PDB file of N, CA and C in Angstrom:
ATOM      1  N   MET A   1      25.982  -4.081  -9.786  1.00  0.00           N
ATOM      2  CA  MET A   1      25.466  -5.190 -10.421  1.00  0.00           C
ATOM      3  C   MET A   1      23.794  -4.874 -10.714  1.00  0.00           C
ATOM      4  N   ALA A   2      23.703  -5.046 -11.946  1.00  0.00           N
ATOM      5  CA  ALA A   2      22.102  -3.600 -11.973  1.00  0.00           C
ATOM      6  C   ALA A   2      20.732  -5.072 -11.827  1.00  0.00           C
ATOM      7  N   GLN A   3      20.232  -3.918 -11.807  1.00  0.00           N
ATOM      8  CA  GLN A   3      18.585  -5.099 -10.886  1.00  0.00           C
ATOM      9  C   GLN A   3      17.879  -5.007 -11.644  1.00  0.00           C
ATOM     10  N   ILE A   4      17.018  -6.700 -11.370  1.00  0.00           N
ATOM     11  CA  ILE A   4      16.319  -6.744 -12.324  1.00  0.00           C
ATOM     12  C   ILE A   4      14.832  -6.037 -12.672  1.00  0.00           C
ATOM     13  N   LYS A   5      14.721  -5.758 -13.659  1.00  0.00           N
ATOM     14  CA  LYS A   5      13.479  -4.445 -13.448  1.00  0.00           C
ATOM     15  C   LYS A   5      11.990  -5.600 -13.641  1.00  0.00           C
ATOM     16  N   LYS A   6      11.095  -4.809 -12.431  1.00  0.00           N
ATOM     17  CA  LYS A   6       9.995  -5.857 -12.737  1.00  0.00           C
ATOM     18  C   LYS A   6       8.966  -4.959 -13.512  1.00  0.00           C
ATOM     19  N   GLU A   7       7.668  -5.955 -13.677  1.00  0.00           N
ATOM     20  CA  GLU A   7       6.913  -5.281 -14.812  1.00  0.00           C
ATOM     21  C   GLU A   7       5.962  -4.420 -13.372  1.00  0.00           C
ATOM     22  N   SER A   8       5.407  -3.181 -14.282  1.00  0.00           N
ATOM     23  CA  SER A   8       4.675  -2.684 -13.401  1.00  0.00           C
ATOM     24  C   SER A   8       4.108  -1.383 -14.465  1.00  0.00           C
ATOM     25  N   LYS A   9       3.213  -0.230 -13.456  1.00  0.00           N
ATOM     26  CA  LYS A   9       2.697   0.148 -13.543  1.00  0.00           C
ATOM     27  C   LYS A   9       2.957   1.153 -13.031  1.00  0.00           C
ATOM     28  N   ILE A  10       2.202   2.542 -14.245  1.00  0.00           N
ATOM     29  CA  ILE A  10       2.781   4.015 -13.217  1.00  0.00           C
ATOM     30  C   ILE A  10       0.834   4.737 -12.636  1.00  0.00           C
ATOM     31  N   MET A  11       1.181   4.963 -11.797  1.00  0.00           N
ATOM     32  CA  MET A  11      -0.388   5.552 -10.481  1.00  0.00           C
ATOM     33  C   MET A  11       0.140   6.824 -10.541  1.00  0.00           C
ATOM     34  N   ASN A  12      -1.010   7.989 -10.732  1.00  0.00           N
ATOM     35  CA  ASN A  12      -0.845   8.622 -10.655  1.00  0.00           C
ATOM     36  C   ASN A  12      -2.227   9.197  -9.243  1.00  0.00           C
ATOM     37  N   MET A  13      -1.771   9.941  -8.247  1.00  0.00           N
ATOM     38  CA  MET A  13      -2.783  10.471  -7.688  1.00  0.00           C
ATOM     39  C   MET A  13      -2.696  11.386  -6.904  1.00  0.00           C
ATOM     40  N   LYS A  14      -3.820  11.802  -6.078  1.00  0.00           N
ATOM     41  CA  LYS A  14      -3.861  12.546  -4.886  1.00  0.00           C
ATOM     42  C   LYS A  14      -4.331  11.661  -3.866  1.00  0.00           C
ATOM     43  N   LEU A  15      -3.631  12.322  -3.041  1.00  0.00           N
ATOM     44  CA  LEU A  15      -3.706  12.043  -1.735  1.00  0.00           C
ATOM     45  C   LEU A  15      -3.808  13.219  -0.441  1.00  0.00           C
ATOM     46  N   ASP A  16      -5.034  12.453   0.680  1.00  0.00           N
ATOM     47  CA  ASP A  16      -5.275  13.771   1.974  1.00  0.00           C
ATOM     48  C   ASP A  16      -4.010  14.124   2.893  1.00  0.00           C
ATOM     49  N   LYS A  17      -4.276  15.414   2.505  1.00  0.00           N
ATOM     50  CA  LYS A  17      -2.471  16.113   2.705  1.00  0.00           C
ATOM     51  C   LYS A  17      -2.274  14.431   4.708  1.00  0.00           C
ATOM     52  N   THR A  18      -3.603  14.083   5.091  1.00  0.00           N
ATOM     53  CA  THR A  18      -2.634  13.726   6.441  1.00  0.00           C
ATOM     54  C   THR A  18      -2.630  12.800   6.102  1.00  0.00           C
ATOM     55  N   VAL A  19      -3.088  11.696   5.398  1.00  0.00           N
ATOM     56  CA  VAL A  19      -2.416  10.794   4.855  1.00  0.00           C
ATOM     57  C   VAL A  19      -1.384  10.133   4.245  1.00  0.00           C
ATOM     58  N   TYR A  20      -0.790  11.262   3.521  1.00  0.00           N
ATOM     59  CA  TYR A  20       0.325  11.947   3.144  1.00  0.00           C
ATOM     60  C   TYR A  20       1.707  11.444   4.152  1.00  0.00           C
ATOM     61  N   ASP A  21       0.991  12.894   5.121  1.00  0.00           N
ATOM     62  CA  ASP A  21       2.023  13.382   6.616  1.00  0.00           C
ATOM     63  C   ASP A  21       2.435  11.525   7.080  1.00  0.00           C
ATOM     64  N   LYS A  22       1.877  10.648   6.986  1.00  0.00           N
ATOM     65  CA  LYS A  22       1.649   9.743   7.540  1.00  0.00           C
ATOM     66  C   LYS A  22       2.601   8.820   7.195  1.00  0.00           C
ATOM     67  N   LEU A  23       1.974   8.294   5.498  1.00  0.00           N
ATOM     68  CA  LEU A  23       3.041   7.681   4.459  1.00  0.00           C
ATOM     69  C   LEU A  23       4.445   8.295   4.604  1.00  0.00           C
ATOM     70  N   ASP A  24       4.607   9.338   4.290  1.00  0.00           N
ATOM     71  CA  ASP A  24       6.261  10.543   4.434  1.00  0.00           C
ATOM     72  C   ASP A  24       6.825  10.132   5.808  1.00  0.00           C
ATOM     73  N   HIS A  25       6.363   9.752   6.964  1.00  0.00           N
ATOM     74  CA  HIS A  25       6.500   9.359   8.446  1.00  0.00           C
ATOM     75  C   HIS A  25       6.454   8.204   8.418  1.00  0.00           C
ATOM     76  N   PHE A  26       6.438   7.737   8.162  1.00  0.00           N
ATOM     77  CA  PHE A  26       6.317   6.028   8.045  1.00  0.00           C
ATOM     78  C   PHE A  26       7.402   5.518   6.743  1.00  0.00           C
ATOM     79  N   CYS A  27       7.634   6.450   5.549  1.00  0.00           N
ATOM     80  CA  CYS A  27       9.042   5.936   5.153  1.00  0.00           C
ATOM     81  C   CYS A  27       9.822   6.588   5.594  1.00  0.00           C
ATOM     82  N   GLU A  28      10.023   7.524   6.246  1.00  0.00           N
ATOM     83  CA  GLU A  28      11.273   8.150   7.049  1.00  0.00           C
ATOM     84  C   GLU A  28      12.074   7.665   8.158  1.00  0.00           C
ATOM     85  N   GLU A  29      11.218   6.727   9.243  1.00  0.00           N
ATOM     86  CA  GLU A  29      11.353   5.919   9.902  1.00  0.00           C
ATOM     87  C   GLU A  29      11.370   4.231   9.215  1.00  0.00           C
ATOM     88  N   THR A  30      11.494   4.130   8.518  1.00  0.00           N
ATOM     89  CA  THR A  30      11.065   2.408   8.187  1.00  0.00           C
ATOM     90  C   THR A  30      12.295   1.941   6.762  1.00  0.00           C
ATOM     91  N   GLY A  31      12.880   3.716   6.485  1.00  0.00           N
ATOM     92  CA  GLY A  31      13.480   3.847   5.767  1.00  0.00           C
ATOM     93  C   GLY A  31      13.067   3.758   3.829  1.00  0.00           C
ATOM     94  N   LEU A  32      12.047   2.840   3.736  1.00  0.00           N
ATOM     95  CA  LEU A  32      11.127   2.555   2.136  1.00  0.00           C
ATOM     96  C   LEU A  32      10.959   3.903   1.170  1.00  0.00           C
ATOM     97  N   SER A  33      11.099   3.634   0.343  1.00  0.00           N
ATOM     98  CA  SER A  33      10.937   4.491  -0.347  1.00  0.00           C
ATOM     99  C   SER A  33       9.260   4.802  -0.547  1.00  0.00           C
ATOM    100  N   LYS A  34       8.578   5.528  -0.808  1.00  0.00           N
ATOM    101  CA  LYS A  34       7.073   6.037  -0.670  1.00  0.00           C
ATOM    102  C   LYS A  34       6.820   4.624  -2.011  1.00  0.00           C
ATOM    103  N   THR A  35       7.329   4.449  -3.382  1.00  0.00           N
ATOM    104  CA  THR A  35       6.842   3.379  -3.327  1.00  0.00           C
ATOM    105  C   THR A  35       6.776   2.413  -3.367  1.00  0.00           C
ATOM    106  N   ALA A  36       7.783   1.747  -2.213  1.00  0.00           N
ATOM    107  CA  ALA A  36       7.843   0.356  -1.873  1.00  0.00           C
ATOM    108  C   ALA A  36       7.036   0.155  -0.995  1.00  0.00           C
ATOM    109  N   ALA A  37       6.912   1.094   0.175  1.00  0.00           N
ATOM    110  CA  ALA A  37       5.697   1.491   0.920  1.00  0.00           C
ATOM    111  C   ALA A  37       4.668   1.183   0.648  1.00  0.00           C
ATOM    112  N   THR A  38       3.965   1.817   0.031  1.00  0.00           N
ATOM    113  CA  THR A  38       2.937   1.711  -1.023  1.00  0.00           C
ATOM    114  C   THR A  38       2.134   0.279  -1.574  1.00  0.00           C
ATOM    115  N   GLU A  39       3.217  -0.498  -2.065  1.00  0.00           N
ATOM    116  CA  GLU A  39       2.856  -1.522  -2.649  1.00  0.00           C
ATOM    117  C   GLU A  39       2.906  -2.489  -1.437  1.00  0.00           C
ATOM    118  N   LYS A  40       3.865  -2.826  -0.426  1.00  0.00           N
ATOM    119  CA  LYS A  40       3.488  -2.963   1.028  1.00  0.00           C
ATOM    120  C   LYS A  40       2.626  -2.997   1.098  1.00  0.00           C
ATOM    121  N   ILE A  41       1.558  -2.035   1.503  1.00  0.00           N
ATOM    122  CA  ILE A  41       0.562  -1.609   2.287  1.00  0.00           C
ATOM    123  C   ILE A  41      -0.384  -1.923   1.628  1.00  0.00           C
ATOM    124  N   LEU A  42       0.011  -1.662   0.412  1.00  0.00           N
ATOM    125  CA  LEU A  42      -2.104  -2.494  -0.548  1.00  0.00           C
ATOM    126  C   LEU A  42      -1.513  -3.431  -0.813  1.00  0.00           C
ATOM    127  N   ASP A  43      -0.756  -4.219  -1.116  1.00  0.00           N
ATOM    128  CA  ASP A  43      -0.449  -5.575  -1.074  1.00  0.00           C
ATOM    129  C   ASP A  43      -1.402  -6.507  -0.042  1.00  0.00           C
ATOM    130  N   LYS A  44      -0.729  -6.230   1.550  1.00  0.00           N
ATOM    131  CA  LYS A  44      -1.122  -6.085   2.763  1.00  0.00           C
ATOM    132  C   LYS A  44      -3.264  -6.075   2.539  1.00  0.00           C
ATOM    133  N   PHE A  45      -3.128  -5.137   2.499  1.00  0.00           N
ATOM    134  CA  PHE A  45      -4.483  -4.608   2.876  1.00  0.00           C
ATOM    135  C   PHE A  45      -5.188  -5.340   1.838  1.00  0.00           C
ATOM    136  N   LEU A  46      -5.597  -5.592   0.525  1.00  0.00           N
ATOM    137  CA  LEU A  46      -5.669  -6.193  -0.540  1.00  0.00           C
ATOM    138  C   LEU A  46      -5.922  -7.685  -0.021  1.00  0.00           C
ATOM    139  N   THR A  47      -4.629  -8.818   0.078  1.00  0.00           N
ATOM    140  CA  THR A  47      -4.409  -9.603   0.335  1.00  0.00           C
ATOM    141  C   THR A  47      -5.782 -10.332   1.267  1.00  0.00           C
ATOM    142  N   GLU A  48      -5.395  -9.257   2.540  1.00  0.00           N
ATOM    143  CA  GLU A  48      -6.559  -9.640   3.599  1.00  0.00           C
ATOM    144  C   GLU A  48      -7.809  -9.334   2.838  1.00  0.00           C
ATOM    145  N   TYR A  49      -8.091  -8.476   2.270  1.00  0.00           N
ATOM    146  CA  TYR A  49      -9.375  -8.199   1.483  1.00  0.00           C
ATOM    147  C   TYR A  49     -10.259  -9.289   0.460  1.00  0.00           C
ATOM    148  N   PHE A  50      -9.813 -10.299  -0.134  1.00  0.00           N
ATOM    149  CA  PHE A  50      -9.331 -10.964  -0.693  1.00  0.00           C
ATOM    150  C   PHE A  50      -9.439 -12.590  -0.522  1.00  0.00           C
ATOM    151  N   ASP A  51      -8.801 -12.099   0.899  1.00  0.00           N
ATOM    152  CA  ASP A  51      -9.091 -14.042   2.006  1.00  0.00           C
ATOM    153  C   ASP A  51     -10.033 -13.849   2.224  1.00  0.00           C
ATOM    154  N   ARG A  52     -11.155 -12.925   2.162  1.00  0.00           N
ATOM    155  CA  ARG A  52     -12.509 -13.235   3.513  1.00  0.00           C
ATOM    156  C   ARG A  52     -13.182 -13.585   2.488  1.00  0.00           C
ATOM    157  N   PRO A  53     -14.391 -14.335   2.755  1.00  0.00           N
ATOM    158  CA  PRO A  53     -15.272 -14.859   2.067  1.00  0.00           C
ATOM    159  C   PRO A  53     -16.198 -13.206   1.388  1.00  0.00           C
ATOM    160  N   GLU A  54     -16.783 -13.104  -0.046  1.00  0.00           N
ATOM    161  CA  GLU A  54     -17.040 -12.581  -0.555  1.00  0.00           C
ATOM    162  C   GLU A  54     -18.173 -11.841   0.443  1.00  0.00           C
ATOM    163  N   SER A  55     -19.532 -12.843   0.699  1.00  0.00           N
ATOM    164  CA  SER A  55     -20.357 -11.781   2.257  1.00  0.00           C
ATOM    165  C   SER A  55     -19.499 -11.236   3.246  1.00  0.00           C
ATOM    166  N   LYS A  56     -18.436 -10.860   3.119  1.00  0.00           N
ATOM    167  CA  LYS A  56     -17.448 -10.009   3.957  1.00  0.00           C
ATOM    168  C   LYS A  56     -16.551  -9.621   3.779  1.00  0.00           C
ATOM    169  N   ARG A  57     -16.714  -9.210   2.326  1.00  0.00           N
ATOM    170  CA  ARG A  57     -15.303  -8.314   1.841  1.00  0.00           C
ATOM    171  C   ARG A  57     -16.137  -6.914   2.191  1.00  0.00           C
ATOM    172  N   SER A  58     -15.998  -6.148   2.942  1.00  0.00           N
ATOM    173  CA  SER A  58     -16.139  -4.579   3.042  1.00  0.00           C
ATOM    174  C   SER A  58     -15.062  -4.036   3.859  1.00  0.00           C
ATOM    175  N   LEU A  59     -14.986  -2.551   3.721  1.00  0.00           N
ATOM    176  CA  LEU A  59     -14.228  -1.708   4.083  1.00  0.00           C
ATOM    177  C   LEU A  59     -14.220  -1.660   5.540  1.00  0.00           C
ATOM    178  N   PHE A  60     -15.708  -1.959   6.104  1.00  0.00           N
ATOM    179  CA  PHE A  60     -15.760  -1.372   7.539  1.00  0.00           C
ATOM    180  C   PHE A  60     -15.934  -3.084   8.610  1.00  0.00           C
ATOM    181  N   TYR A  61     -15.833  -4.573   8.014  1.00  0.00           N
ATOM    182  CA  TYR A  61     -15.959  -5.478   8.687  1.00  0.00           C
ATOM    183  C   TYR A  61     -15.164  -5.501   8.635  1.00  0.00           C
ATOM    184  N   ALA A  62     -14.924  -5.862  10.386  1.00  0.00           N
ATOM    185  CA  ALA A  62     -14.257  -6.437  11.716  1.00  0.00           C
ATOM    186  C   ALA A  62     -13.971  -7.951  12.071  1.00  0.00           C
ATOM    187  N   ASP A  63     -13.430  -8.385  12.433  1.00  0.00           N
ATOM    188  CA  ASP A  63     -13.460 -10.020  12.655  1.00  0.00           C
ATOM    189  C   ASP A  63     -14.569 -10.147  13.594  1.00  0.00           C
TER     190      ASP A  63
END
């Protein structure tokens, strides 16, 4: 059965080696591809970020 193609954009980026190593370990442990893991991680982070009131939208804000 063919997979349904989702709309996507290509993104190329450089990651700090320590961040890449953590992502690689995460993917080995979970069985997710780097693409799927990155999508899930970014979606969770950005959803939580935008769910906060604008006055509390900061990378360093803690409840």
